[in-house]
N, C-alpha and C. Protein backbone atom coordinates (compact mmCIF):
# COMPACT_ATOMS: atom_id res chain seq x y z
N MET A 1 0.84 -1.18 0.00
CA MET A 1 0.00 0.00 0.00
C MET A 1 0.89 1.24 0.00
N LYS A 2 0.69 2.10 -0.95
CA LYS A 2 1.49 3.31 -1.07
C LYS A 2 0.90 4.42 -0.21
N LYS A 3 1.75 5.07 0.56
CA LYS A 3 1.32 6.18 1.42
C LYS A 3 1.30 7.48 0.63
N ASP A 4 0.42 8.37 1.02
CA ASP A 4 0.36 9.69 0.39
C ASP A 4 1.54 10.54 0.85
N VAL A 5 1.93 11.48 0.02
CA VAL A 5 3.00 12.41 0.38
C VAL A 5 2.42 13.48 1.30
N PHE A 6 3.09 13.70 2.39
CA PHE A 6 2.63 14.67 3.37
C PHE A 6 3.27 16.04 3.14
N ILE A 7 4.56 16.06 2.85
CA ILE A 7 5.27 17.34 2.61
C ILE A 7 6.07 17.22 1.32
N SER A 8 5.93 18.23 0.48
CA SER A 8 6.74 18.38 -0.73
C SER A 8 7.61 19.61 -0.55
N VAL A 9 8.91 19.46 -0.78
CA VAL A 9 9.81 20.61 -0.81
C VAL A 9 10.15 20.84 -2.27
N VAL A 10 9.83 22.04 -2.75
CA VAL A 10 10.07 22.41 -4.15
C VAL A 10 11.22 23.41 -4.18
N SER A 11 12.20 23.13 -5.02
CA SER A 11 13.36 24.01 -5.10
C SER A 11 13.77 24.25 -6.55
N PRO A 12 13.79 25.52 -6.97
CA PRO A 12 14.34 25.83 -8.29
C PRO A 12 15.87 25.66 -8.24
N VAL A 13 16.43 25.16 -9.32
CA VAL A 13 17.87 24.90 -9.38
C VAL A 13 18.45 25.62 -10.58
N TYR A 14 19.47 26.42 -10.33
CA TYR A 14 20.19 27.09 -11.42
C TYR A 14 21.65 27.22 -10.99
N GLN A 15 22.53 26.63 -11.75
CA GLN A 15 23.96 26.63 -11.47
C GLN A 15 24.24 26.20 -10.02
N ALA A 16 23.79 25.01 -9.68
CA ALA A 16 23.92 24.55 -8.29
C ALA A 16 24.48 23.14 -8.19
N GLU A 17 25.20 22.69 -9.20
CA GLU A 17 25.65 21.30 -9.21
C GLU A 17 26.47 20.94 -7.97
N LYS A 18 27.18 21.88 -7.40
CA LYS A 18 28.06 21.57 -6.26
C LYS A 18 27.33 21.54 -4.92
N ILE A 19 26.10 22.02 -4.86
CA ILE A 19 25.39 22.11 -3.59
C ILE A 19 24.16 21.19 -3.52
N ILE A 20 23.75 20.61 -4.62
CA ILE A 20 22.52 19.82 -4.66
C ILE A 20 22.53 18.67 -3.66
N GLN A 21 23.61 17.91 -3.61
CA GLN A 21 23.67 16.77 -2.69
C GLN A 21 23.56 17.23 -1.24
N GLU A 22 24.26 18.29 -0.89
CA GLU A 22 24.20 18.82 0.48
C GLU A 22 22.80 19.32 0.80
N PHE A 23 22.18 19.99 -0.16
CA PHE A 23 20.80 20.46 0.03
C PHE A 23 19.88 19.29 0.33
N ILE A 24 19.95 18.24 -0.46
CA ILE A 24 19.09 17.07 -0.25
C ILE A 24 19.32 16.48 1.14
N GLN A 25 20.56 16.32 1.52
CA GLN A 25 20.85 15.73 2.83
C GLN A 25 20.32 16.57 3.98
N GLN A 26 20.51 17.89 3.89
CA GLN A 26 20.04 18.76 4.97
C GLN A 26 18.51 18.80 5.03
N VAL A 27 17.86 18.86 3.89
CA VAL A 27 16.40 18.88 3.87
C VAL A 27 15.84 17.55 4.39
N LYS A 28 16.41 16.45 3.94
CA LYS A 28 15.97 15.12 4.40
C LYS A 28 16.10 15.02 5.92
N LYS A 29 17.21 15.49 6.44
CA LYS A 29 17.46 15.42 7.89
C LYS A 29 16.35 16.12 8.68
N GLU A 30 15.82 17.21 8.15
CA GLU A 30 14.75 17.94 8.83
C GLU A 30 13.38 17.32 8.57
N LEU A 31 13.14 16.85 7.35
CA LEU A 31 11.83 16.28 7.02
C LEU A 31 11.53 15.03 7.83
N VAL A 32 12.53 14.18 8.07
CA VAL A 32 12.27 12.94 8.81
C VAL A 32 11.87 13.21 10.26
N LYS A 33 12.11 14.43 10.74
CA LYS A 33 11.66 14.80 12.09
C LYS A 33 10.15 15.01 12.11
N ILE A 34 9.55 15.22 10.94
CA ILE A 34 8.12 15.49 10.82
C ILE A 34 7.36 14.28 10.31
N THR A 35 7.88 13.64 9.27
CA THR A 35 7.17 12.55 8.60
C THR A 35 8.15 11.71 7.78
N THR A 36 7.72 10.51 7.45
CA THR A 36 8.49 9.68 6.52
C THR A 36 7.91 9.76 5.11
N HIS A 37 6.84 10.52 4.97
CA HIS A 37 6.14 10.65 3.68
C HIS A 37 6.40 12.04 3.09
N TYR A 38 7.51 12.14 2.38
CA TYR A 38 7.90 13.44 1.82
C TYR A 38 8.54 13.23 0.45
N GLU A 39 8.67 14.35 -0.25
CA GLU A 39 9.38 14.36 -1.53
C GLU A 39 10.13 15.68 -1.65
N ILE A 40 11.22 15.63 -2.38
CA ILE A 40 11.99 16.83 -2.70
C ILE A 40 11.97 16.94 -4.22
N ILE A 41 11.43 18.04 -4.71
CA ILE A 41 11.31 18.26 -6.15
C ILE A 41 12.31 19.34 -6.55
N LEU A 42 13.24 18.97 -7.40
CA LEU A 42 14.27 19.89 -7.88
C LEU A 42 13.95 20.24 -9.33
N VAL A 43 13.78 21.53 -9.59
CA VAL A 43 13.42 21.99 -10.94
C VAL A 43 14.61 22.71 -11.54
N GLU A 44 15.26 22.05 -12.49
CA GLU A 44 16.46 22.59 -13.13
C GLU A 44 16.04 23.54 -14.24
N ASP A 45 16.50 24.79 -14.13
CA ASP A 45 16.09 25.86 -15.03
C ASP A 45 17.09 26.07 -16.16
N CYS A 46 17.58 24.97 -16.72
CA CYS A 46 18.46 25.00 -17.90
C CYS A 46 19.71 25.86 -17.69
N GLY A 47 20.37 25.67 -16.57
CA GLY A 47 21.61 26.40 -16.30
C GLY A 47 22.77 25.86 -17.12
N PRO A 48 23.88 26.61 -17.16
CA PRO A 48 25.02 26.23 -17.98
C PRO A 48 25.96 25.20 -17.34
N ASP A 49 25.61 24.66 -16.17
CA ASP A 49 26.48 23.69 -15.52
C ASP A 49 25.88 22.28 -15.62
N ASN A 50 26.33 21.37 -14.79
CA ASN A 50 25.87 19.98 -14.82
C ASN A 50 24.84 19.67 -13.75
N SER A 51 24.06 20.65 -13.36
CA SER A 51 23.06 20.43 -12.32
C SER A 51 22.10 19.31 -12.69
N TRP A 52 21.67 19.24 -13.95
CA TRP A 52 20.71 18.22 -14.34
C TRP A 52 21.29 16.81 -14.16
N GLU A 53 22.55 16.63 -14.47
CA GLU A 53 23.19 15.32 -14.29
C GLU A 53 23.22 14.94 -12.81
N VAL A 54 23.49 15.89 -11.96
CA VAL A 54 23.50 15.63 -10.51
C VAL A 54 22.10 15.29 -10.04
N ILE A 55 21.10 16.02 -10.52
CA ILE A 55 19.71 15.74 -10.14
C ILE A 55 19.31 14.33 -10.58
N LYS A 56 19.61 13.96 -11.83
CA LYS A 56 19.28 12.62 -12.31
C LYS A 56 19.94 11.56 -11.44
N ASN A 57 21.19 11.78 -11.08
CA ASN A 57 21.91 10.84 -10.22
C ASN A 57 21.24 10.72 -8.86
N GLN A 58 20.86 11.85 -8.27
CA GLN A 58 20.21 11.84 -6.96
C GLN A 58 18.83 11.17 -7.03
N CYS A 59 18.14 11.34 -8.13
CA CYS A 59 16.84 10.66 -8.31
C CYS A 59 17.02 9.14 -8.34
N SER A 60 18.12 8.69 -8.92
CA SER A 60 18.36 7.25 -8.99
C SER A 60 18.76 6.69 -7.63
N ILE A 61 19.34 7.51 -6.77
CA ILE A 61 19.76 7.08 -5.44
C ILE A 61 18.63 7.17 -4.42
N HIS A 62 17.87 8.26 -4.49
CA HIS A 62 16.83 8.55 -3.49
C HIS A 62 15.46 8.55 -4.15
N PRO A 63 14.58 7.62 -3.79
CA PRO A 63 13.25 7.57 -4.41
C PRO A 63 12.38 8.78 -4.08
N PHE A 64 12.72 9.52 -3.03
CA PHE A 64 11.94 10.69 -2.65
C PHE A 64 12.35 11.95 -3.40
N VAL A 65 13.41 11.88 -4.20
CA VAL A 65 13.86 13.03 -5.00
C VAL A 65 13.26 12.91 -6.40
N LYS A 66 12.62 13.99 -6.83
CA LYS A 66 12.03 14.06 -8.17
C LYS A 66 12.71 15.20 -8.92
N GLY A 67 12.96 15.01 -10.19
CA GLY A 67 13.61 16.04 -10.99
C GLY A 67 12.74 16.48 -12.15
N ILE A 68 12.78 17.77 -12.41
CA ILE A 68 12.11 18.36 -13.57
C ILE A 68 13.16 19.22 -14.27
N ARG A 69 13.25 19.08 -15.57
CA ARG A 69 14.17 19.93 -16.33
C ARG A 69 13.36 20.76 -17.32
N LEU A 70 13.46 22.07 -17.20
CA LEU A 70 12.76 22.95 -18.12
C LEU A 70 13.49 22.95 -19.46
N SER A 71 12.76 23.19 -20.54
CA SER A 71 13.33 23.11 -21.88
C SER A 71 14.29 24.25 -22.20
N ARG A 72 14.16 25.33 -21.48
CA ARG A 72 15.08 26.47 -21.60
C ARG A 72 15.01 27.24 -20.30
N ASN A 73 15.80 28.26 -20.16
CA ASN A 73 15.81 29.06 -18.95
C ASN A 73 14.58 29.98 -18.93
N PHE A 74 13.63 29.65 -18.06
CA PHE A 74 12.41 30.43 -17.93
C PHE A 74 12.45 31.37 -16.74
N GLY A 75 13.33 31.11 -15.78
CA GLY A 75 13.41 31.93 -14.58
C GLY A 75 12.82 31.23 -13.36
N GLN A 76 13.16 31.76 -12.22
CA GLN A 76 12.81 31.14 -10.95
C GLN A 76 11.30 30.95 -10.75
N HIS A 77 10.51 31.94 -11.10
CA HIS A 77 9.07 31.84 -10.86
C HIS A 77 8.43 30.70 -11.66
N TYR A 78 8.84 30.53 -12.90
CA TYR A 78 8.31 29.44 -13.71
C TYR A 78 8.79 28.09 -13.18
N ALA A 79 10.03 28.06 -12.71
CA ALA A 79 10.55 26.82 -12.13
C ALA A 79 9.75 26.43 -10.89
N ILE A 80 9.46 27.40 -10.04
CA ILE A 80 8.66 27.14 -8.84
C ILE A 80 7.27 26.65 -9.24
N SER A 81 6.66 27.31 -10.23
CA SER A 81 5.32 26.90 -10.68
C SER A 81 5.32 25.46 -11.20
N ALA A 82 6.34 25.09 -11.95
CA ALA A 82 6.43 23.72 -12.47
C ALA A 82 6.56 22.73 -11.31
N GLY A 83 7.33 23.08 -10.30
CA GLY A 83 7.49 22.20 -9.14
C GLY A 83 6.21 22.07 -8.34
N ILE A 84 5.51 23.15 -8.15
CA ILE A 84 4.24 23.11 -7.41
C ILE A 84 3.23 22.23 -8.16
N LYS A 85 3.21 22.37 -9.48
CA LYS A 85 2.28 21.56 -10.28
C LYS A 85 2.55 20.06 -10.12
N LYS A 86 3.80 19.70 -9.98
CA LYS A 86 4.17 18.28 -9.84
C LYS A 86 4.05 17.78 -8.39
N ALA A 87 4.05 18.69 -7.43
CA ALA A 87 4.05 18.30 -6.01
C ALA A 87 2.80 17.52 -5.64
N LYS A 88 2.99 16.49 -4.83
CA LYS A 88 1.89 15.66 -4.38
C LYS A 88 1.60 15.84 -2.90
N GLY A 89 2.38 16.66 -2.23
CA GLY A 89 2.24 16.81 -0.79
C GLY A 89 1.02 17.61 -0.37
N ASP A 90 0.52 17.28 0.81
CA ASP A 90 -0.55 18.07 1.42
C ASP A 90 -0.01 19.44 1.83
N ASN A 91 1.28 19.51 2.08
CA ASN A 91 1.97 20.75 2.48
C ASN A 91 3.14 20.94 1.52
N ILE A 92 3.33 22.17 1.05
CA ILE A 92 4.41 22.47 0.11
C ILE A 92 5.29 23.54 0.71
N VAL A 93 6.60 23.28 0.71
CA VAL A 93 7.59 24.23 1.17
C VAL A 93 8.43 24.63 -0.03
N LEU A 94 8.58 25.93 -0.25
CA LEU A 94 9.43 26.44 -1.33
C LEU A 94 10.75 26.89 -0.73
N MET A 95 11.86 26.41 -1.29
CA MET A 95 13.18 26.78 -0.80
C MET A 95 14.16 26.90 -1.95
N ASP A 96 15.03 27.88 -1.87
CA ASP A 96 16.14 27.93 -2.81
C ASP A 96 17.13 26.84 -2.43
N CYS A 97 17.79 26.26 -3.40
CA CYS A 97 18.70 25.16 -3.10
C CYS A 97 20.10 25.63 -2.70
N ASP A 98 20.32 26.94 -2.66
CA ASP A 98 21.65 27.45 -2.32
C ASP A 98 21.92 27.46 -0.82
N LEU A 99 20.98 26.96 -0.04
CA LEU A 99 21.08 26.85 1.42
C LEU A 99 21.11 28.19 2.13
N GLN A 100 20.74 29.28 1.43
CA GLN A 100 20.54 30.54 2.14
C GLN A 100 19.25 30.45 2.96
N ASP A 101 18.31 29.62 2.50
CA ASP A 101 17.12 29.27 3.29
C ASP A 101 17.54 28.07 4.13
N ASN A 102 17.44 28.18 5.44
CA ASN A 102 17.90 27.12 6.33
C ASN A 102 16.87 25.99 6.41
N PRO A 103 17.25 24.77 6.02
CA PRO A 103 16.32 23.64 6.12
C PRO A 103 15.81 23.41 7.55
N LYS A 104 16.53 23.84 8.55
CA LYS A 104 16.07 23.70 9.94
C LYS A 104 14.79 24.50 10.18
N ASP A 105 14.51 25.46 9.32
CA ASP A 105 13.29 26.26 9.47
C ASP A 105 12.04 25.53 9.00
N ILE A 106 12.20 24.40 8.33
CA ILE A 106 11.03 23.66 7.86
C ILE A 106 10.14 23.29 9.04
N ILE A 107 10.72 22.86 10.13
CA ILE A 107 9.92 22.47 11.29
C ILE A 107 9.17 23.67 11.86
N LYS A 108 9.78 24.86 11.82
CA LYS A 108 9.10 26.07 12.28
C LYS A 108 7.90 26.38 11.39
N LEU A 109 8.09 26.23 10.09
CA LEU A 109 7.00 26.45 9.14
C LEU A 109 5.88 25.44 9.39
N PHE A 110 6.25 24.20 9.60
CA PHE A 110 5.26 23.16 9.84
C PHE A 110 4.49 23.43 11.14
N ASN A 111 5.17 23.89 12.16
CA ASN A 111 4.49 24.21 13.43
C ASN A 111 3.49 25.35 13.24
N GLU A 112 3.81 26.32 12.42
CA GLU A 112 2.85 27.39 12.12
C GLU A 112 1.67 26.84 11.33
N ARG A 113 1.94 25.91 10.44
CA ARG A 113 0.87 25.29 9.65
C ARG A 113 -0.11 24.55 10.57
N LYS A 114 0.43 23.88 11.59
CA LYS A 114 -0.41 23.15 12.53
C LYS A 114 -1.33 24.08 13.32
N LYS A 115 -0.96 25.36 13.41
CA LYS A 115 -1.80 26.34 14.09
C LYS A 115 -2.99 26.75 13.23
N GLY A 116 -3.01 26.32 11.98
CA GLY A 116 -4.15 26.61 11.12
C GLY A 116 -3.86 27.58 9.99
N PHE A 117 -2.64 28.11 9.91
CA PHE A 117 -2.31 29.03 8.82
C PHE A 117 -2.19 28.25 7.52
N GLU A 118 -2.78 28.77 6.46
CA GLU A 118 -2.70 28.11 5.16
C GLU A 118 -1.44 28.50 4.41
N ILE A 119 -1.00 29.74 4.59
CA ILE A 119 0.21 30.23 3.93
C ILE A 119 1.11 30.82 4.99
N ILE A 120 2.36 30.39 4.99
CA ILE A 120 3.35 30.93 5.91
C ILE A 120 4.43 31.56 5.05
N PHE A 121 4.64 32.83 5.22
CA PHE A 121 5.57 33.61 4.43
C PHE A 121 6.78 33.94 5.30
N THR A 122 7.97 33.72 4.79
CA THR A 122 9.17 34.01 5.57
C THR A 122 9.94 35.16 4.94
N LYS A 123 10.86 35.67 5.72
CA LYS A 123 11.68 36.79 5.27
C LYS A 123 13.08 36.60 5.82
N ARG A 124 14.09 36.69 4.96
CA ARG A 124 15.48 36.61 5.41
C ARG A 124 15.85 37.91 6.10
N LEU A 125 16.49 37.78 7.24
CA LEU A 125 16.89 38.98 7.98
C LEU A 125 18.25 39.50 7.53
N ASN A 126 19.15 38.62 7.19
CA ASN A 126 20.50 39.02 6.81
C ASN A 126 20.77 38.65 5.36
N ARG A 127 20.36 39.53 4.46
CA ARG A 127 20.53 39.27 3.04
C ARG A 127 21.93 39.67 2.60
N LYS A 128 22.41 38.96 1.59
CA LYS A 128 23.72 39.26 1.00
C LYS A 128 23.52 39.67 -0.44
N HIS A 129 22.77 40.76 -0.63
CA HIS A 129 22.45 41.20 -1.98
C HIS A 129 22.78 42.68 -2.14
N SER A 130 22.65 43.15 -3.38
CA SER A 130 22.90 44.56 -3.67
C SER A 130 21.85 45.43 -2.99
N ILE A 131 22.14 46.71 -2.91
CA ILE A 131 21.22 47.66 -2.29
C ILE A 131 19.89 47.67 -3.05
N MET A 132 19.94 47.62 -4.37
CA MET A 132 18.72 47.66 -5.17
C MET A 132 17.87 46.42 -4.92
N LYS A 133 18.49 45.24 -4.90
CA LYS A 133 17.74 44.01 -4.66
C LYS A 133 17.17 44.01 -3.24
N SER A 134 17.94 44.51 -2.27
CA SER A 134 17.45 44.60 -0.90
C SER A 134 16.26 45.55 -0.80
N PHE A 135 16.32 46.66 -1.52
CA PHE A 135 15.22 47.62 -1.52
C PHE A 135 13.97 46.99 -2.13
N ASN A 136 14.14 46.31 -3.26
CA ASN A 136 12.99 45.64 -3.90
C ASN A 136 12.37 44.60 -2.98
N SER A 137 13.20 43.87 -2.26
CA SER A 137 12.71 42.88 -1.30
C SER A 137 11.93 43.56 -0.18
N PHE A 138 12.46 44.66 0.34
CA PHE A 138 11.79 45.43 1.39
C PHE A 138 10.42 45.90 0.89
N LEU A 139 10.39 46.45 -0.32
CA LEU A 139 9.14 46.95 -0.90
C LEU A 139 8.14 45.81 -1.08
N TYR A 140 8.58 44.68 -1.58
CA TYR A 140 7.71 43.52 -1.76
C TYR A 140 7.11 43.11 -0.41
N ASN A 141 7.95 43.00 0.61
CA ASN A 141 7.46 42.58 1.93
C ASN A 141 6.43 43.55 2.49
N LYS A 142 6.64 44.83 2.31
CA LYS A 142 5.68 45.82 2.80
C LYS A 142 4.35 45.72 2.05
N LEU A 143 4.42 45.59 0.72
CA LEU A 143 3.20 45.45 -0.07
C LEU A 143 2.46 44.16 0.27
N PHE A 144 3.21 43.09 0.47
CA PHE A 144 2.59 41.83 0.85
C PHE A 144 1.83 41.99 2.16
N THR A 145 2.42 42.69 3.11
CA THR A 145 1.78 42.92 4.41
C THR A 145 0.52 43.78 4.25
N ILE A 146 0.61 44.81 3.45
CA ILE A 146 -0.54 45.72 3.25
C ILE A 146 -1.72 44.98 2.62
N PHE A 147 -1.44 44.13 1.63
CA PHE A 147 -2.51 43.49 0.88
C PHE A 147 -2.95 42.14 1.45
N SER A 148 -2.30 41.67 2.50
CA SER A 148 -2.72 40.42 3.14
C SER A 148 -4.01 40.64 3.89
N GLU A 149 -4.87 39.64 3.90
CA GLU A 149 -6.12 39.73 4.63
C GLU A 149 -5.89 39.83 6.14
N LYS A 150 -4.90 39.12 6.62
CA LYS A 150 -4.60 39.12 8.05
C LYS A 150 -3.30 39.88 8.26
N LYS A 151 -3.11 40.36 9.45
CA LYS A 151 -1.88 41.05 9.77
C LYS A 151 -0.71 40.08 9.72
N VAL A 152 0.38 40.51 9.14
CA VAL A 152 1.56 39.71 9.01
C VAL A 152 2.71 40.45 9.65
N GLN A 153 3.49 39.75 10.43
CA GLN A 153 4.65 40.40 11.05
C GLN A 153 5.83 40.30 10.10
N CYS A 154 6.45 41.43 9.79
CA CYS A 154 7.62 41.43 8.91
C CYS A 154 8.87 41.70 9.70
């Protein structure tokens, strides 16, 4: 009897061949604290490195790893959408595979989900980006808060 997937972690992948294995191991380590019914979906956005070969290899090693390869570089948002469409989990976590999003936070997200929240939005406190990208992120977070039905702490 096949069990349903409880949590799907969807991650867009672009030029990440050297970090994919570590990402999978760290995410798996956190997911098993919650459930044994999970999947990790890696969506390769046609980068110029060997990320797709690494993903295919990891899929052959780990049955919980699923790979999607886009036909050309569509960008992060399309990669995320493709991963969400393939996800079978009752709960979906979106994470970048560069490990700037800490897999240890998955349990925190899940605990908020158990409180009844349907969408849990996170924000990085210590970004390593340009001033313009940081400003755009700040603006996005403020607009998200303004237009949310419920009050959101930023």
